[in-house]
Amino acid sequence: MEEKFIEVKQLYKTFHTKKQTVEVLKGIDLLVEKGEIYGIVGFSGAGKSTLVRCINRLEEPDSGSVRIGDKEITSLGKKELNAQRRKIGMIFQQFNLFDSMTVAQNIAYSLKMTGTPSKEADARVEEMLHLVGLMEKKNAYPGELSGGQKQRVGIARALANHPDVLLSDEATSALDPQTTISVLDLLKEINRKLGLTIILITHELEVIKYTCHRMAVMEDGKILEQGPVKEIFQNPKCATAKNFIGVYNQFRSDYWQEEAE
């Protein structure tokens, strides 16, 4: 039996504005096993990013619980939460790098924030540069990097504090297809080498199929279907999954037909 590692129970989140109240998460239940790559797919506005931000409490849920390992994230005080967040790495679509810092300085930033001694931090930065294949870019600035290289810096920074979990929020959406594959290959390698649990948020079904072990389909703040990637691709049950897979299959069919002509 696989080890249950991340458990989300009955998670609700509502955003309030002057004009309206928007219920974004409507009772999310989710189980992620230790060491797997778990994909969450949905159209824009499904609530995917809000869910992942509630997992590390960058957003505060209205109710429900999030447990990672033996820690219930939703019950932690500020000091405990800050300590726990060091074990939750996160990478973003827009990279979130500091333009005035070199690649090495960007990676070292999170280590400085946790008070890691300079010698130890320097060694860890070197280790991360080797892992993501950017040693030769150590002293470069973000403006000198390609999109794929910037995302590799983001991944290295997210891994610097030895996290147990890596949250990826549309991390490949701004990248071209070839670069997307290289970044996904890196995530798969990290998962294999480090045994890191990864939650991958995307609206791109091909990313899920290429990378993930299991997946969930979200729509309108709810999880409609979840299970092994192969099972859902072969026999989607909810309308949203059928729609996604129908478009995916049609795209592949049209592409190969054009290639043949």
Protein backbone atom coordinates (compact mmCIF):
# COMPACT_ATOMS: atom_id res chain seq x y z
CA MET A 1 0.00 0.00 0.00
CA GLU A 2 1.29 3.45 -0.95
CA GLU A 3 1.99 6.01 1.78
CA LYS A 4 -0.57 8.81 2.04
CA PHE A 5 1.41 12.07 2.26
CA ILE A 6 -0.78 15.07 1.39
CA GLU A 7 -4.39 14.99 2.49
CA VAL A 8 -6.89 17.76 1.76
CA LYS A 9 -10.32 17.47 3.38
CA GLN A 10 -13.42 19.51 2.64
CA LEU A 11 -11.50 22.64 1.67
CA TYR A 12 -13.55 25.76 1.00
CA LYS A 13 -12.36 29.19 -0.13
CA THR A 14 -14.40 32.30 -0.96
CA PHE A 15 -13.17 35.64 -2.25
CA HIS A 16 -15.09 38.77 -1.30
CA THR A 17 -15.14 42.04 -3.26
CA LYS A 18 -17.30 45.13 -2.89
CA LYS A 19 -19.55 43.92 -5.68
CA GLN A 20 -19.68 40.16 -5.24
CA THR A 21 -18.76 37.01 -3.36
CA VAL A 22 -17.08 34.27 -5.38
CA GLU A 23 -16.91 30.73 -4.03
CA VAL A 24 -13.67 29.41 -5.56
CA LEU A 25 -13.18 26.08 -3.74
CA LYS A 26 -16.27 24.04 -2.89
CA GLY A 27 -15.33 21.15 -0.63
CA ILE A 28 -12.11 19.79 -2.11
CA ASP A 29 -10.99 16.29 -1.03
CA LEU A 30 -7.59 15.15 -2.28
CA LEU A 31 -5.01 12.47 -1.46
CA VAL A 32 -1.46 12.56 -2.79
CA GLU A 33 0.93 9.68 -2.17
CA LYS A 34 4.51 10.16 -1.05
CA GLY A 35 6.98 10.38 -3.94
CA GLU A 36 4.46 10.70 -6.77
CA ILE A 37 3.92 13.41 -9.36
CA TYR A 38 0.26 14.37 -9.06
CA GLY A 39 -1.36 16.50 -11.76
CA ILE A 40 -4.36 18.78 -11.37
CA VAL A 41 -5.91 19.90 -14.65
CA GLY A 42 -8.78 22.27 -15.34
CA PHE A 43 -9.86 25.18 -17.49
CA SER A 44 -9.06 28.76 -16.45
CA GLY A 45 -11.11 29.72 -13.40
CA ALA A 46 -11.52 26.14 -12.16
CA GLY A 47 -9.78 26.96 -8.85
CA LYS A 48 -6.50 25.09 -9.45
CA SER A 49 -4.13 27.88 -8.43
CA THR A 50 -6.21 28.79 -5.41
CA LEU A 51 -6.11 25.16 -4.29
CA VAL A 52 -2.33 24.94 -4.54
CA ARG A 53 -1.94 28.28 -2.72
CA CYS A 54 -4.19 27.00 0.07
CA ILE A 55 -1.98 23.92 0.43
CA ASN A 56 0.92 26.10 1.59
CA ARG A 57 -1.39 28.77 3.04
CA LEU A 58 -0.36 31.57 0.75
CA GLU A 59 -4.15 31.78 0.70
CA GLU A 60 -6.11 31.12 3.88
CA PRO A 61 -8.95 28.64 3.33
CA ASP A 62 -12.33 29.43 4.91
CA SER A 63 -12.65 25.90 6.28
CA GLY A 64 -11.36 22.38 5.85
CA SER A 65 -7.91 20.96 6.50
CA VAL A 66 -4.59 20.35 4.75
CA ARG A 67 -2.16 17.79 6.14
CA ILE A 68 1.36 17.21 4.82
CA GLY A 69 3.08 14.25 6.44
CA ASP A 70 2.42 14.53 10.16
CA LYS A 71 1.72 18.30 10.08
CA GLU A 72 -1.74 19.77 9.75
CA ILE A 73 -0.87 22.94 7.84
CA THR A 74 -4.23 24.61 8.46
CA SER A 75 -3.81 24.48 12.25
CA LEU A 76 -0.27 25.90 12.48
CA GLY A 77 0.52 29.26 14.06
CA LYS A 78 2.60 31.82 12.18
CA LYS A 79 6.00 30.71 13.51
CA GLU A 80 5.29 27.01 12.91
CA LEU A 81 3.86 27.76 9.46
CA ASN A 82 6.96 29.70 8.41
CA ALA A 83 9.14 26.77 9.49
CA GLN A 84 6.92 24.28 7.62
CA ARG A 85 6.90 26.39 4.44
CA ARG A 86 10.64 25.77 4.14
CA LYS A 87 9.68 22.18 3.38
CA ILE A 88 7.28 23.25 0.61
CA GLY A 89 9.00 24.51 -2.54
CA MET A 90 7.01 26.39 -5.17
CA ILE A 91 7.65 27.32 -8.79
CA PHE A 92 5.58 29.80 -10.80
CA GLN A 93 4.63 30.57 -14.39
CA GLN A 94 6.35 33.98 -14.31
CA PHE A 95 9.56 32.69 -12.64
CA ASN A 96 9.56 35.40 -9.86
CA LEU A 97 13.32 35.99 -10.09
CA PHE A 98 15.14 39.10 -8.88
CA ASP A 99 16.49 40.89 -11.97
CA SER A 100 19.26 42.62 -9.99
CA MET A 101 20.63 39.31 -8.64
CA THR A 102 22.77 36.74 -10.42
CA VAL A 103 21.57 33.17 -10.88
CA ALA A 104 23.59 32.06 -7.84
CA GLN A 105 22.24 34.93 -5.74
CA ASN A 106 18.64 34.11 -6.72
CA ILE A 107 19.12 30.50 -5.62
CA ALA A 108 20.85 31.59 -2.40
CA TYR A 109 18.05 34.00 -1.50
CA SER A 110 15.79 31.43 0.13
CA LEU A 111 18.76 30.03 2.05
CA LYS A 112 19.57 33.48 3.42
CA MET A 113 15.96 33.89 4.53
CA THR A 114 16.27 30.75 6.65
CA GLY A 115 19.59 31.78 8.20
CA THR A 116 21.72 29.13 6.48
CA PRO A 117 25.43 29.80 7.16
CA SER A 118 27.27 31.28 4.13
CA LYS A 119 29.59 28.34 3.58
CA GLU A 120 26.73 25.85 3.69
CA ALA A 121 24.59 28.06 1.44
CA ASP A 122 27.39 28.36 -1.15
CA ALA A 123 27.78 24.58 -1.25
CA ARG A 124 24.03 24.10 -1.65
CA VAL A 125 23.88 26.65 -4.48
CA GLU A 126 26.64 24.76 -6.32
CA GLU A 127 24.75 21.51 -5.80
CA MET A 128 21.53 23.01 -7.19
CA LEU A 129 23.33 24.53 -10.19
CA HIS A 130 24.68 21.09 -11.08
CA LEU A 131 21.24 19.50 -10.59
CA VAL A 132 19.46 21.88 -12.98
CA GLY A 133 22.37 22.08 -15.44
CA LEU A 134 23.20 25.77 -15.08
CA MET A 135 26.75 25.85 -13.69
CA GLU A 136 27.95 27.94 -16.63
CA LYS A 137 25.22 30.53 -15.89
CA LYS A 138 26.15 30.95 -12.23
CA ASN A 139 27.09 34.64 -12.58
CA ALA A 140 24.56 35.55 -15.26
CA TYR A 141 21.53 37.75 -14.60
CA PRO A 142 17.93 36.75 -15.40
CA GLY A 143 17.83 39.17 -18.34
CA GLU A 144 20.56 37.10 -20.03
CA LEU A 145 18.64 33.81 -19.74
CA SER A 146 16.07 32.04 -21.89
CA GLY A 147 12.64 31.23 -20.47
CA GLY A 148 13.64 27.62 -19.85
CA GLN A 149 16.81 28.67 -18.05
CA LYS A 150 14.84 31.08 -15.87
CA GLN A 151 12.48 28.29 -14.90
CA ARG A 152 15.43 26.07 -14.03
CA VAL A 153 16.69 28.81 -11.70
CA GLY A 154 13.20 28.91 -10.16
CA ILE A 155 13.29 25.15 -9.65
CA ALA A 156 16.78 25.30 -8.12
CA ARG A 157 15.66 28.04 -5.72
CA ALA A 158 12.55 26.05 -4.76
CA LEU A 159 14.70 23.00 -3.97
CA ALA A 160 17.45 24.84 -2.08
CA ASN A 161 15.95 24.29 1.39
CA HIS A 162 15.54 20.51 0.94
CA PRO A 163 11.72 20.55 0.60
CA ASP A 164 9.53 17.47 0.96
CA VAL A 165 6.99 18.83 -1.53
CA LEU A 166 7.28 20.83 -4.75
CA LEU A 167 4.24 22.78 -5.94
CA SER A 168 4.29 23.75 -9.62
CA ASP A 169 1.69 26.37 -10.59
CA GLU A 170 1.47 26.49 -14.41
CA ALA A 171 5.28 26.45 -14.47
CA THR A 172 5.52 25.54 -18.18
CA SER A 173 2.65 27.64 -19.54
CA ALA A 174 4.92 30.48 -20.72
CA LEU A 175 7.42 28.15 -22.41
CA ASP A 176 7.64 26.81 -25.97
CA PRO A 177 6.98 23.07 -26.48
CA GLN A 178 10.64 22.01 -26.69
CA THR A 179 11.56 23.95 -23.54
CA THR A 180 8.48 22.58 -21.78
CA ILE A 181 9.68 19.03 -22.43
CA SER A 182 13.14 19.83 -21.03
CA VAL A 183 11.66 21.33 -17.85
CA LEU A 184 9.28 18.39 -17.40
CA ASP A 185 12.17 15.96 -17.90
CA LEU A 186 14.02 17.82 -15.16
CA LEU A 187 11.03 17.52 -12.80
CA LYS A 188 10.80 13.79 -13.52
CA GLU A 189 14.52 13.40 -12.86
CA ILE A 190 14.21 15.31 -9.57
CA ASN A 191 11.26 13.14 -8.58
CA ARG A 192 13.24 10.00 -9.36
CA LYS A 193 16.53 11.09 -7.76
CA LEU A 194 15.17 12.80 -4.65
CA GLY A 195 11.87 10.97 -4.14
CA LEU A 196 10.24 14.40 -4.04
CA THR A 197 6.44 14.62 -4.02
CA ILE A 198 5.29 17.02 -6.76
CA ILE A 199 1.88 18.59 -7.35
CA LEU A 200 1.66 19.94 -10.87
CA ILE A 201 -1.08 22.46 -11.72
CA THR A 202 -1.77 22.93 -15.43
CA HIS A 203 -4.40 23.47 -18.08
CA GLU A 204 -2.30 21.50 -20.58
CA LEU A 205 -3.37 17.87 -20.72
CA GLU A 206 -0.24 16.80 -22.59
CA VAL A 207 1.84 17.96 -19.58
CA ILE A 208 -0.20 15.67 -17.31
CA LYS A 209 0.12 12.66 -19.65
CA TYR A 210 3.87 13.13 -20.09
CA THR A 211 4.74 13.70 -16.44
CA CYS A 212 2.22 12.52 -13.86
CA HIS A 213 1.41 9.25 -12.13
CA ARG A 214 -2.11 10.22 -11.03
CA MET A 215 -4.34 13.20 -11.74
CA ALA A 216 -7.46 15.11 -10.76
CA VAL A 217 -9.85 17.04 -13.00
CA MET A 218 -11.21 20.31 -11.58
CA GLU A 219 -14.14 22.42 -12.70
CA ASP A 220 -15.97 25.24 -10.94
CA GLY A 221 -14.17 24.76 -7.62
CA LYS A 222 -14.74 21.02 -7.39
CA ILE A 223 -12.76 17.88 -8.17
CA LEU A 224 -14.93 15.92 -10.59
CA GLU A 225 -12.67 12.94 -11.18
CA GLN A 226 -9.33 11.61 -9.97
CA GLY A 227 -7.24 8.49 -10.45
CA PRO A 228 -4.30 7.04 -12.42
CA VAL A 229 -3.50 9.09 -15.54
CA LYS A 230 -3.77 6.06 -17.84
CA GLU A 231 -7.24 5.14 -16.54
CA ILE A 232 -8.65 8.64 -16.97
CA PHE A 233 -7.23 8.95 -20.48
CA GLN A 234 -8.66 5.60 -21.49
CA ASN A 235 -12.02 5.95 -19.76
CA PRO A 236 -12.88 9.51 -18.68
CA LYS A 237 -16.09 9.64 -16.68
CA CYS A 238 -16.92 13.33 -16.12
CA ALA A 239 -17.86 15.71 -18.95
CA THR A 240 -14.87 17.99 -18.29
CA ALA A 241 -12.37 15.12 -18.59
CA LYS A 242 -14.11 13.89 -21.76
CA ASN A 243 -13.93 17.41 -23.20
CA PHE A 244 -10.23 17.79 -22.37
CA ILE A 245 -9.31 14.40 -23.79
CA GLY A 246 -11.49 14.89 -26.88
CA VAL A 247 -9.68 18.15 -27.69
CA TYR A 248 -6.31 16.51 -26.95
CA ASN A 249 -7.03 13.57 -29.26
CA GLN A 250 -8.39 15.84 -32.00
CA PHE A 251 -5.29 18.03 -31.84
CA ARG A 252 -2.99 15.00 -32.12
CA SER A 253 -5.05 13.61 -35.01
CA ASP A 254 -4.97 16.93 -36.89
CA TYR A 255 -1.24 17.35 -36.24
CA TRP A 256 -0.27 13.93 -37.54
CA GLN A 257 -2.57 14.34 -40.56
CA GLU A 258 -0.83 17.64 -41.42
CA GLU A 259 2.59 16.02 -40.97
CA ALA A 260 1.64 13.22 -43.33
CA GLU A 261 0.45 15.57 -46.10
